[in-house]
Amino acid sequence: MHMYIFLLYSYLNKVFVLEIDCKVKNLHTTWDLEG
């Protein structure tokens, strides 16, 4: 059971990091386009 919680946590953590990364990249692209 403990292992399952750990796997779930690390999975959510990866998804969260990827989501943040995409948002950051989008922000950079917007800034590049604006000048």
N, C-alpha and C. Protein backbone atom coordinates (compact mmCIF):
# COMPACT_ATOMS: atom_id res chain seq x y z
N MET A 1 0.83 -1.20 0.00
CA MET A 1 0.00 0.00 0.00
C MET A 1 0.87 1.26 0.00
N HIS A 2 1.87 1.26 0.86
CA HIS A 2 2.77 2.41 0.93
C HIS A 2 3.45 2.67 -0.42
N MET A 3 3.87 1.61 -1.08
CA MET A 3 4.53 1.72 -2.38
C MET A 3 3.58 2.34 -3.40
N TYR A 4 2.32 1.95 -3.35
CA TYR A 4 1.33 2.47 -4.28
C TYR A 4 1.17 3.98 -4.11
N ILE A 5 1.11 4.43 -2.87
CA ILE A 5 1.00 5.87 -2.59
C ILE A 5 2.23 6.60 -3.13
N PHE A 6 3.39 6.01 -2.93
CA PHE A 6 4.63 6.62 -3.42
C PHE A 6 4.62 6.74 -4.94
N LEU A 7 4.19 5.70 -5.63
CA LEU A 7 4.13 5.73 -7.09
C LEU A 7 3.14 6.79 -7.57
N LEU A 8 1.99 6.84 -6.92
CA LEU A 8 0.98 7.82 -7.28
C LEU A 8 1.53 9.24 -7.09
N TYR A 9 2.21 9.45 -5.97
CA TYR A 9 2.79 10.75 -5.67
C TYR A 9 3.81 11.16 -6.73
N SER A 10 4.71 10.24 -7.07
CA SER A 10 5.75 10.58 -8.04
C SER A 10 5.16 10.81 -9.43
N TYR A 11 4.06 10.08 -9.75
CA TYR A 11 3.39 10.29 -11.03
C TYR A 11 2.78 11.69 -11.09
N LEU A 12 2.06 12.06 -10.03
CA LEU A 12 1.45 13.38 -9.98
C LEU A 12 2.51 14.47 -10.02
N ASN A 13 3.62 14.21 -9.36
CA ASN A 13 4.73 15.17 -9.32
C ASN A 13 5.27 15.41 -10.74
N LYS A 14 5.44 14.33 -11.51
CA LYS A 14 5.93 14.46 -12.89
C LYS A 14 4.96 15.25 -13.74
N VAL A 15 3.68 14.94 -13.62
CA VAL A 15 2.66 15.64 -14.40
C VAL A 15 2.66 17.12 -14.06
N PHE A 16 2.76 17.42 -12.75
CA PHE A 16 2.77 18.80 -12.29
C PHE A 16 3.96 19.56 -12.86
N VAL A 17 5.13 18.95 -12.80
CA VAL A 17 6.35 19.57 -13.32
C VAL A 17 6.24 19.81 -14.82
N LEU A 18 5.71 18.84 -15.55
CA LEU A 18 5.55 19.00 -16.99
C LEU A 18 4.59 20.14 -17.31
N GLU A 19 3.52 20.24 -16.54
CA GLU A 19 2.53 21.29 -16.74
C GLU A 19 3.16 22.66 -16.53
N ILE A 20 3.93 22.78 -15.45
CA ILE A 20 4.63 24.04 -15.15
C ILE A 20 5.59 24.38 -16.29
N ASP A 21 6.32 23.37 -16.75
CA ASP A 21 7.29 23.55 -17.82
C ASP A 21 6.62 24.08 -19.09
N CYS A 22 5.47 23.51 -19.42
CA CYS A 22 4.73 23.95 -20.61
C CYS A 22 4.28 25.40 -20.45
N LYS A 23 3.78 25.75 -19.26
CA LYS A 23 3.33 27.11 -19.02
C LYS A 23 4.48 28.09 -19.13
N VAL A 24 5.63 27.71 -18.58
CA VAL A 24 6.82 28.58 -18.64
C VAL A 24 7.24 28.78 -20.10
N LYS A 25 7.25 27.70 -20.88
CA LYS A 25 7.62 27.81 -22.29
C LYS A 25 6.64 28.71 -23.04
N ASN A 26 5.36 28.57 -22.73
CA ASN A 26 4.35 29.41 -23.37
C ASN A 26 4.57 30.88 -23.03
N LEU A 27 4.92 31.15 -21.77
CA LEU A 27 5.19 32.52 -21.37
C LEU A 27 6.37 33.09 -22.14
N HIS A 28 7.42 32.29 -22.27
CA HIS A 28 8.61 32.73 -23.00
C HIS A 28 8.28 33.02 -24.46
N THR A 29 7.45 32.17 -25.06
CA THR A 29 7.08 32.38 -26.46
C THR A 29 6.29 33.67 -26.60
N THR A 30 5.38 33.92 -25.67
CA THR A 30 4.58 35.15 -25.72
C THR A 30 5.49 36.37 -25.62
N TRP A 31 6.42 36.32 -24.68
CA TRP A 31 7.35 37.44 -24.51
C TRP A 31 8.19 37.65 -25.77
N ASP A 32 8.63 36.55 -26.39
CA ASP A 32 9.43 36.66 -27.61
C ASP A 32 8.62 37.32 -28.73
N LEU A 33 7.35 36.94 -28.84
CA LEU A 33 6.51 37.51 -29.89
C LEU A 33 6.25 38.99 -29.66
N GLU A 34 6.08 39.37 -28.40
CA GLU A 34 5.76 40.76 -28.08
C GLU A 34 6.97 41.69 -28.23
N GLY A 35 8.17 41.12 -28.22
CA GLY A 35 9.30 42.00 -28.42
C GLY A 35 10.47 41.58 -27.56
